[in-house]
N, C-alpha and C. Protein backbone atom coordinates (compact mmCIF):
# COMPACT_ATOMS: atom_id res chain seq x y z
N MET A 1 -18.03 -0.95 3.74
CA MET A 1 -17.73 -2.13 3.04
C MET A 1 -16.30 -1.68 3.14
N ALA A 2 -15.33 -2.54 2.83
CA ALA A 2 -14.22 -1.98 2.66
C ALA A 2 -13.17 -1.67 1.25
N THR A 3 -12.38 -1.11 1.52
CA THR A 3 -11.61 -0.69 -0.31
C THR A 3 -10.36 -1.33 -0.06
N TRP A 4 -10.10 -2.29 -1.25
CA TRP A 4 -8.86 -3.06 -1.37
C TRP A 4 -7.84 -2.73 -2.29
N SER A 5 -7.19 -2.86 -2.20
CA SER A 5 -5.84 -2.64 -3.27
C SER A 5 -4.99 -3.80 -3.43
N LEU A 6 -4.74 -4.30 -4.41
CA LEU A 6 -3.57 -5.45 -5.04
C LEU A 6 -2.16 -4.70 -5.03
N CYS A 7 -1.22 -5.22 -4.29
CA CYS A 7 -0.09 -4.46 -4.36
C CYS A 7 1.30 -5.37 -4.29
N GLY A 8 2.34 -5.04 -4.46
CA GLY A 8 3.67 -6.08 -4.79
C GLY A 8 4.52 -5.73 -3.44
N ARG A 9 4.38 -6.81 -2.34
CA ARG A 9 5.54 -6.35 -0.79
C ARG A 9 6.84 -6.19 -1.35
N HIS A 10 7.65 -5.86 -0.92
CA HIS A 10 8.65 -5.79 -0.90
C HIS A 10 9.56 -6.94 -0.23
N THR A 11 10.47 -8.14 -1.24
CA THR A 11 11.06 -9.02 -0.08
C THR A 11 12.42 -9.27 0.30
N GLY A 12 13.05 -8.23 -1.01
CA GLY A 12 14.28 -8.05 -0.61
C GLY A 12 15.04 -7.44 -1.99
N PRO A 13 16.14 -7.13 -2.29
CA PRO A 13 16.55 -6.73 -3.42
C PRO A 13 16.83 -7.58 -4.98
N ASP A 14 16.57 -8.48 -4.63
CA ASP A 14 16.87 -9.68 -6.07
C ASP A 14 15.62 -10.70 -5.73
N LYS A 15 14.87 -10.15 -5.45
CA LYS A 15 13.63 -11.15 -5.21
C LYS A 15 12.27 -10.40 -6.06
N PRO A 16 11.35 -11.30 -6.61
CA PRO A 16 10.06 -10.64 -7.18
C PRO A 16 9.23 -10.25 -5.76
N PRO A 17 8.11 -8.93 -5.92
CA PRO A 17 7.44 -8.92 -4.86
C PRO A 17 6.43 -9.57 -5.07
N THR A 18 5.99 -9.93 -3.39
CA THR A 18 4.98 -10.51 -3.00
C THR A 18 3.55 -10.34 -3.25
N PRO A 19 2.39 -10.57 -4.02
CA PRO A 19 1.10 -9.88 -3.70
C PRO A 19 0.88 -9.99 -2.12
N VAL A 20 0.41 -8.67 -2.53
CA VAL A 20 -0.88 -8.91 -0.80
C VAL A 20 -1.69 -7.76 -1.14
N PHE A 21 -2.93 -7.71 -0.67
CA PHE A 21 -3.98 -7.08 -0.29
C PHE A 21 -4.12 -6.24 0.59
N ILE A 22 -3.71 -5.12 0.64
CA ILE A 22 -3.73 -3.46 1.83
C ILE A 22 -5.61 -3.18 0.91
N ASN A 23 -5.85 -3.63 2.66
CA ASN A 23 -7.32 -2.45 3.06
C ASN A 23 -7.06 -0.55 2.95
N LEU A 24 -7.57 0.04 2.15
CA LEU A 24 -6.76 1.34 2.19
C LEU A 24 -7.93 2.15 3.33
N ASP A 25 -8.60 1.53 3.52
CA ASP A 25 -9.38 2.46 5.04
C ASP A 25 -8.68 2.20 6.14
N ASN A 26 -7.79 1.56 6.48
CA ASN A 26 -6.68 1.05 7.28
C ASN A 26 -5.17 1.89 7.05
N VAL A 27 -5.27 2.56 5.92
CA VAL A 27 -3.97 3.38 5.76
C VAL A 27 -3.95 4.92 6.74
N LEU A 28 -2.67 4.53 7.16
CA LEU A 28 -2.24 6.30 7.96
C LEU A 28 -1.95 7.01 7.08
N THR A 29 -0.76 7.13 7.02
CA THR A 29 0.38 7.65 5.80
C THR A 29 0.65 6.74 4.48
N VAL A 30 1.17 7.21 3.19
CA VAL A 30 2.01 6.85 2.10
C VAL A 30 2.98 7.76 1.98
N GLU A 31 4.08 6.87 1.77
CA GLU A 31 5.08 7.98 1.67
C GLU A 31 6.78 6.90 0.91
N ARG A 32 6.72 7.37 -0.36
CA ARG A 32 7.51 7.10 -1.21
C ARG A 32 8.88 7.45 -0.71
N GLN A 33 9.64 6.34 -0.75
CA GLN A 33 11.35 6.91 0.16
C GLN A 33 12.39 5.38 -1.21
N GLY A 34 12.78 6.24 -2.15
CA GLY A 34 13.80 5.60 -2.78
C GLY A 34 13.07 5.07 -3.81
N ASP A 35 13.44 3.57 -4.20
CA ASP A 35 12.16 2.55 -4.79
C ASP A 35 11.27 2.36 -4.27
N LEU A 36 11.30 2.29 -2.63
CA LEU A 36 10.09 1.75 -2.22
C LEU A 36 9.21 2.93 -1.94
N THR A 37 8.08 2.20 -1.58
CA THR A 37 6.78 2.61 -0.60
C THR A 37 6.34 2.37 0.81
N THR A 38 6.50 3.46 1.56
CA THR A 38 5.89 2.95 2.94
C THR A 38 4.81 3.28 3.38
N VAL A 39 3.80 2.02 3.71
CA VAL A 39 2.77 2.83 4.03
C VAL A 39 2.36 2.44 5.64
N VAL A 40 1.95 3.16 6.28
CA VAL A 40 1.89 2.49 7.45
C VAL A 40 0.25 2.66 7.68
N MET A 41 -0.26 1.78 8.77
CA MET A 41 -1.41 1.36 8.76
C MET A 41 -1.81 1.44 10.01
N VAL A 42 -3.23 1.66 10.38
CA VAL A 42 -3.77 1.84 11.73
C VAL A 42 -3.01 0.72 12.82
N GLY A 43 -2.41 1.04 13.87
CA GLY A 43 -1.99 -0.07 14.91
C GLY A 43 -0.37 0.27 14.66
N GLY A 44 0.22 1.00 13.54
CA GLY A 44 1.28 1.19 13.52
C GLY A 44 2.41 0.30 12.61
N GLU A 45 1.35 -0.76 11.86
CA GLU A 45 2.22 -1.77 11.10
C GLU A 45 2.61 -1.08 10.10
N LYS A 46 4.40 -1.31 9.38
CA LYS A 46 4.54 -0.70 8.34
C LYS A 46 5.00 -2.18 6.99
N VAL A 47 4.49 -1.33 6.02
CA VAL A 47 3.97 -2.22 5.01
C VAL A 47 4.92 -1.24 3.74
N TYR A 48 6.35 -2.48 3.42
CA TYR A 48 7.30 -1.82 2.38
C TYR A 48 6.78 -2.45 0.94
N LEU A 49 6.51 -1.74 -0.06
CA LEU A 49 6.01 -1.93 -1.64
C LEU A 49 6.93 -1.83 -2.55
N ASP A 50 6.48 -2.33 -3.20
CA ASP A 50 7.29 -2.23 -4.67
C ASP A 50 6.28 -1.08 -5.76
N THR A 51 5.26 -0.81 -5.17
CA THR A 51 4.40 -0.14 -5.85
C THR A 51 4.36 1.49 -5.40
N MET A 52 4.36 2.22 -6.86
CA MET A 52 4.01 3.36 -7.10
C MET A 52 2.52 3.65 -6.14
N PRO A 53 2.47 5.33 -5.30
CA PRO A 53 1.71 5.59 -4.12
C PRO A 53 0.63 6.17 -5.16
N GLU A 54 0.87 6.43 -6.42
CA GLU A 54 -0.17 6.80 -7.36
C GLU A 54 -1.18 5.73 -7.61
N THR A 55 -0.31 4.75 -7.37
CA THR A 55 -1.23 3.19 -8.45
C THR A 55 -1.97 2.91 -6.90
N LEU A 56 -1.26 2.88 -5.63
CA LEU A 56 -2.45 2.59 -4.45
C LEU A 56 -3.08 2.75 -4.18
N ILE A 57 -3.27 4.34 -4.42
CA ILE A 57 -4.22 5.29 -3.76
C ILE A 57 -5.11 5.12 -5.06
N GLY A 58 -4.98 5.06 -6.17
CA GLY A 58 -5.87 5.39 -7.08
C GLY A 58 -6.61 3.86 -7.29
N ALA A 59 -5.97 3.06 -7.05
CA ALA A 59 -6.94 1.36 -7.41
C ALA A 59 -8.15 1.56 -6.44
N GLY A 60 -8.36 1.80 -5.15
CA GLY A 60 -9.56 2.13 -4.65
C GLY A 60 -10.76 3.10 -4.85
N GLY A 61 -10.36 4.24 -5.14
CA GLY A 61 -11.51 5.26 -5.22
C GLY A 61 -11.56 5.35 -3.59
N HIS A 62 -12.91 5.71 -3.56
CA HIS A 62 -12.52 7.02 -2.11
C HIS A 62 -13.29 5.73 -1.04
N ALA A 63 -12.88 5.83 0.13
CA ALA A 63 -13.45 5.06 1.04
C ALA A 63 -14.66 4.84 1.75
N GLY A 64 -15.20 6.68 1.24
CA GLY A 64 -16.46 6.35 1.79
C GLY A 64 -17.34 7.67 1.06
N PRO A 65 -18.46 8.30 1.32
CA PRO A 65 -19.54 8.52 0.98
C PRO A 65 -18.98 9.98 0.15
N LEU A 66 -19.29 10.50 -0.78
CA LEU A 66 -18.34 11.89 -0.99
C LEU A 66 -19.37 13.16 -0.13
């Protein structure tokens, strides 16, 4: 079962973020860069978010059995 997190995709400096669901099971890295969070997905896609990394990671819990 996939773990999903609702985030705000960055759309520009004067525009509100667009809601987007991120599958946390497909996230390779999360990096804070200034006011943005860069998420690199499996396959190399980069998603730029207006969401703090703690919120992104904490929203889904663990991705598998402990």
